[in-house]
């Protein structure tokens, strides 16, 4: 049982090395790391190339990049990670244990910032995700390849691709909600303001639920 770990990147020289260094032990065990670059203009390729099994160039867009990564993947279990994520040491063990009983799932998430309000936000995110069966990319979605391909992978939209994938997957199988935690960067929250970021994300989710196009939402998010 081996896992293909797929990481979409775009100008991630500041964060990608830490994650890839964590994954080197898994590579030695036979798992593969696939980095899919959406046209980085910085040193992402120089950093990530030697630390991955495959470094692939792609058009930009997480959905496009992750689908292209799956097309190059060799294994039957897929794990999607963001470049600014840090993982627990037992991550692949709990994934493989879970996939003996479930078809897909996600981790809990923890924001990297020390502000106490982040603890409230991340707790709400994890509870909501487990209750609704909807996972975000920050939560490290993992899935059996057969199920992923049966729903035709990520929908090619510029935002909410993880929400759309979750909606398709949960129609066929309920996700497992792992309590182990991935740490994701809170850089956007800190740069844009915590309250403003929370309000923006609520707004975008509500508009998406109303049927507003992902293209329009992406323009508001950028």
N, C-alpha and C. Protein backbone atom coordinates (compact mmCIF):
# COMPACT_ATOMS: atom_id res chain seq x y z
N UNK A 1 0.85 -1.19 0.00
CA UNK A 1 0.00 0.00 0.00
C UNK A 1 0.88 1.24 0.00
N UNK A 2 0.90 1.94 -1.11
CA UNK A 2 1.72 3.13 -1.23
C UNK A 2 0.86 4.33 -1.64
N UNK A 3 1.36 5.51 -1.31
CA UNK A 3 0.62 6.75 -1.50
C UNK A 3 1.38 7.67 -2.46
N UNK A 4 0.63 8.30 -3.36
CA UNK A 4 1.16 9.37 -4.19
C UNK A 4 0.76 10.69 -3.54
N UNK A 5 1.75 11.48 -3.15
CA UNK A 5 1.52 12.76 -2.47
C UNK A 5 1.66 13.87 -3.50
N UNK A 6 0.59 14.62 -3.70
CA UNK A 6 0.54 15.61 -4.79
C UNK A 6 0.44 17.01 -4.20
N UNK A 7 1.37 17.88 -4.61
CA UNK A 7 1.48 19.22 -4.04
C UNK A 7 1.47 20.25 -5.16
N UNK A 8 0.41 21.04 -5.30
CA UNK A 8 0.42 22.13 -6.28
C UNK A 8 1.18 23.33 -5.73
N UNK A 9 2.00 23.96 -6.54
CA UNK A 9 2.79 25.10 -6.06
C UNK A 9 2.75 26.24 -7.07
N UNK A 10 2.94 27.44 -6.55
CA UNK A 10 3.13 28.64 -7.36
C UNK A 10 3.87 29.66 -6.50
N UNK A 11 5.14 29.86 -6.82
CA UNK A 11 5.99 30.81 -6.08
C UNK A 11 5.99 30.50 -4.58
N UNK A 12 6.41 29.29 -4.25
CA UNK A 12 6.40 28.84 -2.86
C UNK A 12 7.79 28.59 -2.31
N UNK A 13 8.78 29.36 -2.76
CA UNK A 13 10.15 29.14 -2.29
C UNK A 13 10.30 29.33 -0.79
N UNK A 14 9.43 30.13 -0.19
CA UNK A 14 9.56 30.42 1.24
C UNK A 14 9.04 29.30 2.12
N UNK A 15 8.21 28.41 1.57
CA UNK A 15 7.57 27.41 2.43
C UNK A 15 7.74 25.96 1.99
N UNK A 16 7.99 25.71 0.73
CA UNK A 16 7.93 24.34 0.21
C UNK A 16 9.02 23.44 0.79
N UNK A 17 10.18 23.99 1.12
CA UNK A 17 11.30 23.15 1.58
C UNK A 17 10.97 22.42 2.87
N UNK A 18 10.32 23.11 3.82
CA UNK A 18 10.00 22.48 5.10
C UNK A 18 9.11 21.26 4.92
N UNK A 19 8.08 21.40 4.09
CA UNK A 19 7.18 20.27 3.85
C UNK A 19 7.91 19.13 3.16
N UNK A 20 8.66 19.44 2.12
CA UNK A 20 9.34 18.37 1.38
C UNK A 20 10.37 17.65 2.24
N UNK A 21 11.03 18.37 3.13
CA UNK A 21 11.97 17.71 4.03
C UNK A 21 11.25 16.72 4.93
N UNK A 22 10.04 17.05 5.36
CA UNK A 22 9.26 16.11 6.17
C UNK A 22 8.90 14.86 5.39
N UNK A 23 8.81 14.96 4.08
CA UNK A 23 8.33 13.85 3.25
C UNK A 23 9.46 12.92 2.78
N UNK A 24 10.70 13.25 3.05
CA UNK A 24 11.80 12.44 2.54
C UNK A 24 11.80 11.02 3.11
N UNK A 25 11.46 10.88 4.38
CA UNK A 25 11.39 9.54 4.96
C UNK A 25 10.35 8.67 4.28
N UNK A 26 9.24 9.27 3.89
CA UNK A 26 8.18 8.53 3.19
C UNK A 26 8.64 8.10 1.80
N UNK A 27 9.43 8.95 1.15
CA UNK A 27 9.96 8.58 -0.16
C UNK A 27 10.84 7.33 -0.04
N UNK A 28 11.63 7.25 1.02
CA UNK A 28 12.50 6.09 1.21
C UNK A 28 11.69 4.81 1.44
N UNK A 29 10.46 4.96 1.93
CA UNK A 29 9.59 3.81 2.17
C UNK A 29 8.87 3.34 0.91
N UNK A 30 8.98 4.11 -0.18
CA UNK A 30 8.35 3.72 -1.44
C UNK A 30 7.19 4.58 -1.87
N UNK A 31 6.80 5.53 -1.04
CA UNK A 31 5.77 6.47 -1.43
C UNK A 31 6.38 7.52 -2.37
N UNK A 32 5.55 8.17 -3.18
CA UNK A 32 6.11 9.15 -4.11
C UNK A 32 5.58 10.55 -3.83
N UNK A 33 6.43 11.53 -4.11
CA UNK A 33 6.09 12.94 -3.95
C UNK A 33 6.10 13.60 -5.32
N UNK A 34 4.96 14.17 -5.68
CA UNK A 34 4.80 14.82 -6.97
C UNK A 34 4.50 16.30 -6.73
N UNK A 35 5.36 17.17 -7.22
CA UNK A 35 5.15 18.61 -7.11
C UNK A 35 4.75 19.12 -8.49
N UNK A 36 3.63 19.84 -8.53
CA UNK A 36 3.11 20.34 -9.80
C UNK A 36 3.16 21.87 -9.78
N UNK A 37 4.02 22.43 -10.61
CA UNK A 37 4.27 23.86 -10.59
C UNK A 37 3.41 24.59 -11.62
N UNK A 38 2.75 25.65 -11.15
CA UNK A 38 1.86 26.40 -12.03
C UNK A 38 2.51 27.61 -12.66
N UNK A 39 3.83 27.61 -12.82
CA UNK A 39 4.52 28.71 -13.48
C UNK A 39 5.25 29.63 -12.53
N UNK A 40 5.90 29.07 -11.53
CA UNK A 40 6.61 29.88 -10.53
C UNK A 40 7.71 30.73 -11.16
N UNK A 41 7.86 31.95 -10.64
CA UNK A 41 8.89 32.87 -11.12
C UNK A 41 10.04 32.99 -10.12
N UNK A 42 9.94 32.26 -9.00
CA UNK A 42 10.98 32.33 -7.98
C UNK A 42 11.82 31.06 -8.02
N UNK A 43 12.39 30.65 -6.90
CA UNK A 43 13.28 29.48 -6.86
C UNK A 43 12.57 28.19 -6.45
N UNK A 44 11.26 28.15 -6.60
CA UNK A 44 10.51 26.94 -6.23
C UNK A 44 11.06 25.70 -6.92
N UNK A 45 11.32 25.79 -8.21
CA UNK A 45 11.79 24.62 -8.96
C UNK A 45 13.16 24.15 -8.47
N UNK A 46 14.05 25.08 -8.18
CA UNK A 46 15.39 24.72 -7.71
C UNK A 46 15.34 24.03 -6.35
N UNK A 47 14.40 24.44 -5.52
CA UNK A 47 14.26 23.85 -4.19
C UNK A 47 13.54 22.51 -4.25
N UNK A 48 12.42 22.49 -4.97
CA UNK A 48 11.54 21.32 -4.93
C UNK A 48 11.99 20.19 -5.83
N UNK A 49 12.65 20.50 -6.92
CA UNK A 49 13.06 19.47 -7.86
C UNK A 49 13.83 18.32 -7.23
N UNK A 50 14.93 18.60 -6.52
CA UNK A 50 15.73 17.52 -5.94
C UNK A 50 15.03 16.79 -4.78
N UNK A 51 13.99 17.38 -4.22
CA UNK A 51 13.32 16.79 -3.06
C UNK A 51 12.02 16.10 -3.42
N UNK A 52 11.76 15.94 -4.71
CA UNK A 52 10.53 15.27 -5.15
C UNK A 52 10.86 14.18 -6.16
N UNK A 53 9.95 13.25 -6.31
CA UNK A 53 10.15 12.19 -7.30
C UNK A 53 9.83 12.69 -8.71
N UNK A 54 8.85 13.58 -8.79
CA UNK A 54 8.47 14.16 -10.07
C UNK A 54 8.16 15.64 -9.84
N UNK A 55 8.77 16.48 -10.68
CA UNK A 55 8.47 17.91 -10.66
C UNK A 55 7.88 18.24 -12.02
N UNK A 56 6.61 18.60 -12.04
CA UNK A 56 5.86 18.73 -13.29
C UNK A 56 5.45 20.18 -13.51
N UNK A 57 5.60 20.65 -14.72
CA UNK A 57 5.13 21.98 -15.09
C UNK A 57 3.69 21.88 -15.58
N UNK A 58 2.90 22.91 -15.26
CA UNK A 58 1.47 22.87 -15.57
C UNK A 58 0.96 24.29 -15.77
N UNK A 59 -0.20 24.40 -16.40
CA UNK A 59 -0.91 25.67 -16.35
C UNK A 59 -1.28 25.94 -14.90
N UNK A 60 -1.45 27.21 -14.54
CA UNK A 60 -1.74 27.54 -13.16
C UNK A 60 -3.20 27.26 -12.82
N UNK A 61 -3.45 27.06 -11.53
CA UNK A 61 -4.78 26.70 -11.03
C UNK A 61 -4.69 25.39 -10.28
N UNK A 62 -5.07 25.41 -9.01
CA UNK A 62 -4.88 24.22 -8.19
C UNK A 62 -5.59 23.00 -8.76
N UNK A 63 -6.81 23.17 -9.24
CA UNK A 63 -7.54 22.03 -9.79
C UNK A 63 -6.80 21.43 -10.97
N UNK A 64 -6.34 22.29 -11.89
CA UNK A 64 -5.60 21.82 -13.06
C UNK A 64 -4.32 21.11 -12.62
N UNK A 65 -3.61 21.72 -11.69
CA UNK A 65 -2.33 21.17 -11.25
C UNK A 65 -2.51 19.83 -10.55
N UNK A 66 -3.49 19.72 -9.66
CA UNK A 66 -3.68 18.47 -8.93
C UNK A 66 -4.15 17.35 -9.85
N UNK A 67 -5.04 17.65 -10.79
CA UNK A 67 -5.46 16.64 -11.75
C UNK A 67 -4.29 16.16 -12.60
N UNK A 68 -3.42 17.09 -12.98
CA UNK A 68 -2.24 16.71 -13.76
C UNK A 68 -1.31 15.83 -12.93
N UNK A 69 -1.19 16.14 -11.64
CA UNK A 69 -0.38 15.31 -10.76
C UNK A 69 -0.91 13.90 -10.67
N UNK A 70 -2.23 13.77 -10.57
CA UNK A 70 -2.83 12.42 -10.52
C UNK A 70 -2.53 11.66 -11.81
N UNK A 71 -2.54 12.38 -12.92
CA UNK A 71 -2.23 11.73 -14.19
C UNK A 71 -0.83 11.15 -14.25
N UNK A 72 0.08 11.67 -13.43
CA UNK A 72 1.46 11.17 -13.38
C UNK A 72 1.71 10.25 -12.19
N UNK A 73 0.70 10.07 -11.35
CA UNK A 73 0.87 9.28 -10.12
C UNK A 73 0.91 7.79 -10.42
N UNK A 74 1.70 7.06 -9.63
CA UNK A 74 1.86 5.63 -9.84
C UNK A 74 1.04 4.78 -8.87
N UNK A 75 0.58 5.37 -7.77
CA UNK A 75 -0.04 4.56 -6.72
C UNK A 75 -1.56 4.74 -6.66
N UNK A 76 -2.19 3.84 -5.91
CA UNK A 76 -3.66 3.79 -5.86
C UNK A 76 -4.27 4.60 -4.72
N UNK A 77 -3.41 5.23 -3.92
CA UNK A 77 -3.91 6.12 -2.87
C UNK A 77 -3.31 7.50 -3.09
N UNK A 78 -4.15 8.52 -3.01
CA UNK A 78 -3.74 9.89 -3.32
C UNK A 78 -3.88 10.77 -2.08
N UNK A 79 -2.91 11.66 -1.90
CA UNK A 79 -2.96 12.61 -0.79
C UNK A 79 -2.55 13.97 -1.32
N UNK A 80 -3.45 14.94 -1.16
CA UNK A 80 -3.23 16.29 -1.68
C UNK A 80 -2.83 17.22 -0.55
N UNK A 81 -1.72 17.92 -0.72
CA UNK A 81 -1.20 18.82 0.30
C UNK A 81 -0.91 20.19 -0.27
N UNK A 82 -1.15 21.23 0.53
CA UNK A 82 -0.72 22.56 0.17
C UNK A 82 0.74 22.76 0.57
N UNK A 83 1.43 23.63 -0.14
CA UNK A 83 2.86 23.81 0.07
C UNK A 83 3.20 24.39 1.44
N UNK A 84 2.27 25.14 2.03
CA UNK A 84 2.56 25.79 3.31
C UNK A 84 2.05 24.98 4.49
N UNK A 85 2.02 23.66 4.33
CA UNK A 85 1.52 22.75 5.35
C UNK A 85 2.67 22.02 6.03
N UNK A 86 2.49 21.71 7.31
CA UNK A 86 3.40 20.83 8.04
C UNK A 86 2.59 19.65 8.55
N UNK A 87 3.17 18.46 8.52
CA UNK A 87 2.42 17.24 8.78
C UNK A 87 2.93 16.52 10.02
N UNK A 88 2.08 15.69 10.66
CA UNK A 88 2.55 14.89 11.80
C UNK A 88 3.39 13.72 11.31
N UNK A 89 4.24 13.20 12.18
CA UNK A 89 5.16 12.12 11.81
C UNK A 89 4.41 10.86 11.38
N UNK A 90 3.22 10.64 11.95
CA UNK A 90 2.49 9.40 11.66
C UNK A 90 1.44 9.59 10.57
N UNK A 91 1.59 10.63 9.76
CA UNK A 91 0.55 10.99 8.80
C UNK A 91 0.19 9.84 7.86
N UNK A 92 1.18 9.23 7.24
CA UNK A 92 0.86 8.17 6.26
C UNK A 92 0.34 6.92 6.93
N UNK A 93 0.77 6.64 8.13
CA UNK A 93 0.25 5.48 8.85
C UNK A 93 -1.25 5.62 9.09
N UNK A 94 -1.66 6.80 9.56
CA UNK A 94 -3.09 6.97 9.85
C UNK A 94 -3.90 7.04 8.56
N UNK A 95 -3.31 7.55 7.48
CA UNK A 95 -4.01 7.54 6.20
C UNK A 95 -4.24 6.11 5.73
N UNK A 96 -3.19 5.31 5.74
CA UNK A 96 -3.32 3.94 5.25
C UNK A 96 -4.22 3.10 6.14
N UNK A 97 -4.15 3.31 7.45
CA UNK A 97 -5.07 2.62 8.35
C UNK A 97 -6.51 3.00 8.03
N UNK A 98 -6.74 4.28 7.78
CA UNK A 98 -8.10 4.76 7.50
C UNK A 98 -8.63 4.21 6.18
N UNK A 99 -7.75 4.12 5.18
CA UNK A 99 -8.21 3.69 3.86
C UNK A 99 -8.45 2.19 3.77
N UNK A 100 -8.18 1.46 4.84
CA UNK A 100 -8.60 0.06 4.87
C UNK A 100 -10.09 -0.05 5.18
N UNK A 101 -10.68 1.02 5.74
CA UNK A 101 -12.09 1.00 6.13
C UNK A 101 -12.92 2.07 5.43
N UNK A 102 -12.26 3.11 4.96
CA UNK A 102 -12.96 4.23 4.34
C UNK A 102 -12.36 4.51 2.96
N UNK A 103 -13.11 5.28 2.16
CA UNK A 103 -12.66 5.59 0.81
C UNK A 103 -11.95 6.93 0.69
N UNK A 104 -12.23 7.82 1.63
CA UNK A 104 -11.55 9.12 1.60
C UNK A 104 -11.68 9.80 2.95
N UNK A 105 -10.93 10.88 3.13
CA UNK A 105 -11.01 11.58 4.40
C UNK A 105 -10.13 12.80 4.42
N UNK A 106 -10.00 13.38 5.63
CA UNK A 106 -9.19 14.58 5.81
C UNK A 106 -8.69 14.66 7.24
N UNK A 107 -7.72 15.51 7.48
CA UNK A 107 -7.16 15.76 8.81
C UNK A 107 -7.86 16.95 9.45
N UNK A 108 -7.69 17.09 10.76
CA UNK A 108 -7.98 18.36 11.40
C UNK A 108 -6.90 19.35 10.98
N UNK A 109 -7.19 20.63 11.12
CA UNK A 109 -6.23 21.65 10.74
C UNK A 109 -5.95 22.56 11.92
N UNK A 110 -4.72 23.06 11.99
CA UNK A 110 -4.33 24.04 12.98
C UNK A 110 -3.63 25.18 12.26
N UNK A 111 -4.03 26.40 12.54
CA UNK A 111 -3.39 27.57 11.96
C UNK A 111 -2.08 27.86 12.68
N UNK A 112 -1.08 28.31 11.96
CA UNK A 112 0.26 28.45 12.54
C UNK A 112 0.39 29.62 13.50
N UNK A 113 -0.47 30.62 13.38
CA UNK A 113 -0.36 31.81 14.22
C UNK A 113 -0.61 31.53 15.68
N UNK A 114 -0.06 32.38 16.55
CA UNK A 114 -0.18 32.19 17.99
C UNK A 114 -1.37 32.91 18.60
N UNK A 115 -2.01 33.79 17.84
CA UNK A 115 -3.16 34.53 18.37
C UNK A 115 -4.23 33.56 18.84
N UNK A 116 -4.75 33.77 20.04
CA UNK A 116 -5.72 32.83 20.62
C UNK A 116 -7.00 32.70 19.80
N UNK A 117 -7.31 33.71 19.01
CA UNK A 117 -8.53 33.61 18.19
C UNK A 117 -8.39 32.55 17.11
N UNK A 118 -7.15 32.25 16.72
CA UNK A 118 -6.93 31.18 15.74
C UNK A 118 -7.39 29.83 16.29
N UNK A 119 -7.26 29.62 17.61
CA UNK A 119 -7.69 28.35 18.20
C UNK A 119 -9.21 28.19 18.07
N UNK A 120 -9.93 29.29 18.18
CA UNK A 120 -11.38 29.24 18.02
C UNK A 120 -11.75 28.99 16.57
N UNK A 121 -11.07 29.69 15.66
CA UNK A 121 -11.37 29.56 14.23
C UNK A 121 -11.11 28.14 13.75
N UNK A 122 -9.96 27.59 14.12
CA UNK A 122 -9.63 26.25 13.63
C UNK A 122 -10.57 25.20 14.22
N UNK A 123 -10.98 25.37 15.48
CA UNK A 123 -11.93 24.43 16.07
C UNK A 123 -13.26 24.47 15.34
N UNK A 124 -13.71 25.65 15.00
CA UNK A 124 -14.96 25.78 14.25
C UNK A 124 -14.83 25.16 12.86
N UNK A 125 -13.69 25.36 12.22
CA UNK A 125 -13.45 24.79 10.90
C UNK A 125 -13.52 23.27 10.95
N UNK A 126 -12.88 22.68 11.95
CA UNK A 126 -12.83 21.22 12.05
C UNK A 126 -14.20 20.62 12.38
N UNK A 127 -14.92 21.26 13.27
CA UNK A 127 -16.26 20.77 13.62
C UNK A 127 -17.19 20.86 12.41
N UNK A 128 -17.16 22.01 11.75
CA UNK A 128 -18.03 22.20 10.59
C UNK A 128 -17.70 21.19 9.49
N UNK A 129 -16.43 20.97 9.25
CA UNK A 129 -16.01 20.04 8.21
C UNK A 129 -16.50 18.63 8.48
N UNK A 130 -16.34 18.18 9.70
CA UNK A 130 -16.74 16.82 10.03
C UNK A 130 -18.26 16.67 9.99
N UNK A 131 -18.98 17.69 10.41
CA UNK A 131 -20.45 17.66 10.42
C UNK A 131 -21.02 17.66 9.01
N UNK A 132 -20.42 18.46 8.12
CA UNK A 132 -20.96 18.59 6.77
C UNK A 132 -20.38 17.59 5.77
N UNK A 133 -19.22 17.01 6.09
CA UNK A 133 -18.56 16.14 5.13
C UNK A 133 -17.85 16.90 4.03
N UNK A 134 -17.62 18.19 4.26
CA UNK A 134 -16.93 19.03 3.29
C UNK A 134 -15.54 19.37 3.83
N UNK A 135 -14.51 19.06 3.05
CA UNK A 135 -13.13 19.31 3.47
C UNK A 135 -12.52 20.41 2.62
N UNK A 136 -11.56 21.11 3.20
CA UNK A 136 -10.81 22.11 2.45
C UNK A 136 -9.42 21.57 2.12
N UNK A 137 -8.77 22.23 1.18
CA UNK A 137 -7.44 21.78 0.79
C UNK A 137 -6.44 21.84 1.92
N UNK A 138 -6.63 22.78 2.86
CA UNK A 138 -5.73 22.88 4.01
C UNK A 138 -5.80 21.66 4.91
N UNK A 139 -6.85 20.86 4.79
CA UNK A 139 -7.03 19.70 5.65
C UNK A 139 -6.44 18.42 5.05
N UNK A 140 -5.74 18.54 3.95
CA UNK A 140 -5.02 17.39 3.40
C UNK A 140 -5.92 16.25 2.97
N UNK A 141 -6.76 16.49 1.99
CA UNK A 141 -7.69 15.46 1.51
C UNK A 141 -6.91 14.25 0.99
N UNK A 142 -7.31 13.06 1.41
CA UNK A 142 -6.74 11.82 0.87
C UNK A 142 -7.88 10.93 0.38
N UNK A 143 -7.61 10.15 -0.66
CA UNK A 143 -8.70 9.43 -1.32
C UNK A 143 -8.15 8.24 -2.12
N UNK A 144 -8.95 7.20 -2.20
CA UNK A 144 -8.60 6.09 -3.08
C UNK A 144 -8.71 6.57 -4.53
N UNK A 145 -7.72 6.22 -5.32
CA UNK A 145 -7.68 6.70 -6.70
C UNK A 145 -8.92 6.29 -7.49
N UNK A 146 -9.40 5.10 -7.25
CA UNK A 146 -10.57 4.62 -7.99
C UNK A 146 -11.77 5.52 -7.75
N UNK A 147 -11.97 5.95 -6.49
CA UNK A 147 -13.09 6.83 -6.18
C UNK A 147 -12.86 8.21 -6.79
N UNK A 148 -11.64 8.73 -6.69
CA UNK A 148 -11.31 10.03 -7.26
C UNK A 148 -11.60 10.06 -8.76
N UNK A 149 -11.19 9.01 -9.44
CA UNK A 149 -11.40 8.98 -10.88
C UNK A 149 -12.87 8.77 -11.24
N UNK A 150 -13.62 8.11 -10.36
CA UNK A 150 -15.04 7.87 -10.64
C UNK A 150 -15.85 9.17 -10.64
N UNK A 151 -15.36 10.19 -9.91
CA UNK A 151 -16.04 11.49 -9.91
C UNK A 151 -15.33 12.48 -10.84
N UNK A 152 -14.41 11.97 -11.64
CA UNK A 152 -13.68 12.75 -12.64
C UNK A 152 -12.79 13.83 -12.01
N UNK A 153 -12.30 13.55 -10.81
CA UNK A 153 -11.31 14.40 -10.19
C UNK A 153 -11.81 15.77 -9.82
N UNK A 154 -10.87 16.69 -9.72
CA UNK A 154 -11.20 18.07 -9.37
C UNK A 154 -11.91 18.75 -10.54
N UNK A 155 -12.97 19.47 -10.25
CA UNK A 155 -13.62 20.29 -11.26
C UNK A 155 -12.71 21.47 -11.59
N UNK A 156 -12.58 21.76 -12.85
CA UNK A 156 -11.66 22.81 -13.28
C UNK A 156 -12.26 24.19 -13.06
N UNK A 157 -12.18 24.65 -11.82
CA UNK A 157 -12.64 25.98 -11.43
C UNK A 157 -11.53 26.65 -10.64
N UNK A 158 -11.47 27.99 -10.62
CA UNK A 158 -10.34 28.69 -10.01
C UNK A 158 -10.41 28.84 -8.49
N UNK A 159 -11.52 28.46 -7.90
CA UNK A 159 -11.68 28.54 -6.45
C UNK A 159 -12.77 27.56 -6.05
N UNK A 160 -12.75 27.09 -4.81
CA UNK A 160 -13.74 26.15 -4.29
C UNK A 160 -13.62 24.75 -4.90
N UNK A 161 -12.47 24.47 -5.51
CA UNK A 161 -12.30 23.14 -6.10
C UNK A 161 -12.34 22.04 -5.05
N UNK A 162 -11.85 22.33 -3.85
CA UNK A 162 -11.87 21.34 -2.77
C UNK A 162 -13.30 21.12 -2.26
N UNK A 163 -14.09 22.18 -2.20
CA UNK A 163 -15.49 22.06 -1.80
C UNK A 163 -16.26 21.22 -2.81
N UNK A 164 -16.02 21.49 -4.08
CA UNK A 164 -16.72 20.77 -5.14
C UNK A 164 -16.34 19.30 -5.14
N UNK A 165 -15.05 19.01 -4.93
CA UNK A 165 -14.62 17.61 -4.87
C UNK A 165 -15.29 16.90 -3.69
N UNK A 166 -15.32 17.55 -2.53
CA UNK A 166 -15.95 16.95 -1.35
C UNK A 166 -17.41 16.64 -1.60
N UNK A 167 -18.12 17.55 -2.25
CA UNK A 167 -19.53 17.35 -2.55
C UNK A 167 -19.74 16.12 -3.43
N UNK A 168 -18.84 15.95 -4.41
CA UNK A 168 -18.96 14.79 -5.29
C UNK A 168 -18.62 13.50 -4.57
N UNK A 169 -17.55 13.52 -3.75
CA UNK A 169 -17.11 12.30 -3.07
C UNK A 169 -18.12 11.85 -2.03
N UNK A 170 -18.69 12.79 -1.27
CA UNK A 170 -19.56 12.39 -0.17
C UNK A 170 -20.89 11.83 -0.64
N UNK A 171 -21.23 12.06 -1.92
CA UNK A 171 -22.42 11.42 -2.47
C UNK A 171 -22.22 9.91 -2.58
N UNK A 172 -20.97 9.49 -2.65
CA UNK A 172 -20.65 8.07 -2.81
C UNK A 172 -20.13 7.43 -1.53
N UNK A 173 -19.51 8.24 -0.66
CA UNK A 173 -18.89 7.67 0.53
C UNK A 173 -18.67 8.77 1.57
N UNK A 174 -18.97 8.45 2.82
CA UNK A 174 -18.77 9.41 3.90
C UNK A 174 -17.29 9.51 4.24
N UNK A 175 -16.76 10.72 4.44
CA UNK A 175 -15.33 10.84 4.75
C UNK A 175 -15.02 10.48 6.20
N UNK A 176 -13.79 10.06 6.43
CA UNK A 176 -13.31 9.87 7.79
C UNK A 176 -12.65 11.17 8.24
N UNK A 177 -12.97 11.61 9.45
CA UNK A 177 -12.43 12.85 10.01
C UNK A 177 -11.31 12.52 10.99
N UNK A 178 -10.09 12.57 10.53
CA UNK A 178 -8.97 12.25 11.40
C UNK A 178 -8.75 13.37 12.41
N UNK A 179 -8.44 12.99 13.64
CA UNK A 179 -8.18 13.98 14.68
C UNK A 179 -6.73 14.44 14.68
N UNK A 180 -5.86 13.72 14.00
CA UNK A 180 -4.49 14.19 13.84
C UNK A 180 -4.50 15.51 13.08
N UNK A 181 -3.50 16.34 13.35
CA UNK A 181 -3.56 17.73 12.91
C UNK A 181 -2.46 18.08 11.90
N UNK A 182 -2.87 18.77 10.84
CA UNK A 182 -1.94 19.42 9.93
C UNK A 182 -1.84 20.89 10.34
N UNK A 183 -0.65 21.45 10.29
CA UNK A 183 -0.46 22.86 10.58
C UNK A 183 -0.36 23.60 9.24
N UNK A 184 -1.24 24.58 9.07
CA UNK A 184 -1.22 25.36 7.84
C UNK A 184 -0.90 26.82 8.14
N UNK A 185 -0.27 27.48 7.23
CA UNK A 185 0.16 28.85 7.46
C UNK A 185 -1.03 29.80 7.63
N UNK A 186 -0.91 30.69 8.58
CA UNK A 186 -1.94 31.71 8.81
C UNK A 186 -1.52 33.04 8.17
N UNK A 187 -0.61 32.98 7.19
CA UNK A 187 -0.05 34.20 6.61
C UNK A 187 -1.11 35.09 5.98
N UNK A 188 -2.10 34.48 5.31
CA UNK A 188 -3.14 35.31 4.70
C UNK A 188 -3.97 36.01 5.75
N UNK A 189 -4.31 35.27 6.82
CA UNK A 189 -5.10 35.85 7.90
C UNK A 189 -4.37 37.04 8.52
N UNK A 190 -3.07 36.87 8.73
CA UNK A 190 -2.29 37.91 9.40
C UNK A 190 -2.07 39.11 8.48
N UNK A 191 -1.95 38.85 7.19
CA UNK A 191 -1.72 39.93 6.23
C UNK A 191 -2.99 40.73 5.98
N UNK A 192 -4.10 40.03 5.79
CA UNK A 192 -5.37 40.68 5.44
C UNK A 192 -6.17 41.11 6.65
N UNK A 193 -5.82 40.59 7.83
CA UNK A 193 -6.60 40.86 9.03
C UNK A 193 -7.49 39.68 9.35
N UNK A 194 -7.48 39.24 10.61
CA UNK A 194 -8.20 38.02 10.99
C UNK A 194 -9.70 38.18 10.76
N UNK A 195 -10.28 39.24 11.28
CA UNK A 195 -11.73 39.43 11.15
C UNK A 195 -12.13 39.58 9.69
N UNK A 196 -11.37 40.36 8.93
CA UNK A 196 -11.71 40.57 7.53
C UNK A 196 -11.62 39.28 6.73
N UNK A 197 -10.64 38.44 7.09
CA UNK A 197 -10.50 37.16 6.38
C UNK A 197 -11.64 36.21 6.70
N UNK A 198 -12.04 36.16 7.98
CA UNK A 198 -13.18 35.33 8.37
C UNK A 198 -14.44 35.76 7.62
N UNK A 199 -14.69 37.06 7.62
CA UNK A 199 -15.89 37.59 6.96
C UNK A 199 -15.86 37.32 5.46
N UNK A 200 -14.67 37.46 4.86
CA UNK A 200 -14.55 37.20 3.43
C UNK A 200 -14.84 35.74 3.11
N UNK A 201 -14.30 34.82 3.91
CA UNK A 201 -14.51 33.40 3.66
C UNK A 201 -15.97 33.02 3.84
N UNK A 202 -16.62 33.56 4.86
CA UNK A 202 -18.06 33.31 5.05
C UNK A 202 -18.84 33.82 3.84
N UNK A 203 -18.48 35.01 3.40
CA UNK A 203 -19.17 35.61 2.26
C UNK A 203 -19.00 34.75 1.01
N UNK A 204 -17.78 34.31 0.74
CA UNK A 204 -17.52 33.51 -0.46
C UNK A 204 -18.28 32.18 -0.42
N UNK A 205 -18.28 31.54 0.74
CA UNK A 205 -19.00 30.26 0.86
C UNK A 205 -20.50 30.46 0.65
N UNK A 206 -21.03 31.54 1.23
CA UNK A 206 -22.45 31.81 1.09
C UNK A 206 -22.81 32.10 -0.37
N UNK A 207 -22.01 32.91 -1.03
CA UNK A 207 -22.26 33.22 -2.43
C UNK A 207 -22.14 31.97 -3.30
N UNK A 208 -21.19 31.11 -2.98
CA UNK A 208 -21.04 29.86 -3.74
C UNK A 208 -22.26 28.98 -3.56
N UNK A 209 -22.76 28.93 -2.32
CA UNK A 209 -23.97 28.16 -2.03
C UNK A 209 -25.16 28.72 -2.81
N UNK A 210 -25.18 30.02 -3.04
CA UNK A 210 -26.25 30.66 -3.80
C UNK A 210 -26.11 30.43 -5.31
N UNK A 211 -24.95 29.93 -5.72
CA UNK A 211 -24.76 29.65 -7.13
C UNK A 211 -23.89 30.64 -7.88
N UNK A 212 -23.23 31.56 -7.16
CA UNK A 212 -22.33 32.50 -7.81
C UNK A 212 -21.13 31.73 -8.37
N UNK A 213 -20.68 32.08 -9.55
CA UNK A 213 -19.62 31.33 -10.22
C UNK A 213 -18.30 31.41 -9.46
N UNK A 214 -17.53 30.34 -9.56
CA UNK A 214 -16.21 30.30 -8.92
C UNK A 214 -15.28 31.34 -9.52
N UNK A 215 -15.46 31.66 -10.80
CA UNK A 215 -14.63 32.67 -11.45
C UNK A 215 -14.83 34.04 -10.78
N UNK A 216 -16.08 34.39 -10.51
CA UNK A 216 -16.34 35.68 -9.85
C UNK A 216 -15.79 35.67 -8.43
N UNK A 217 -15.98 34.56 -7.72
CA UNK A 217 -15.50 34.47 -6.34
C UNK A 217 -13.97 34.56 -6.28
N UNK A 218 -13.31 33.97 -7.27
CA UNK A 218 -11.84 34.01 -7.30
C UNK A 218 -11.34 35.44 -7.42
N UNK A 219 -12.06 36.26 -8.17
CA UNK A 219 -11.65 37.67 -8.32
C UNK A 219 -11.76 38.40 -6.97
N UNK A 220 -12.77 38.06 -6.19
CA UNK A 220 -12.95 38.69 -4.87
C UNK A 220 -11.90 38.18 -3.87
N UNK A 221 -11.48 36.93 -4.04
CA UNK A 221 -10.56 36.32 -3.08
C UNK A 221 -9.12 36.79 -3.30
N UNK A 222 -8.78 37.11 -4.52
CA UNK A 222 -7.38 37.44 -4.85
C UNK A 222 -6.95 38.76 -4.20
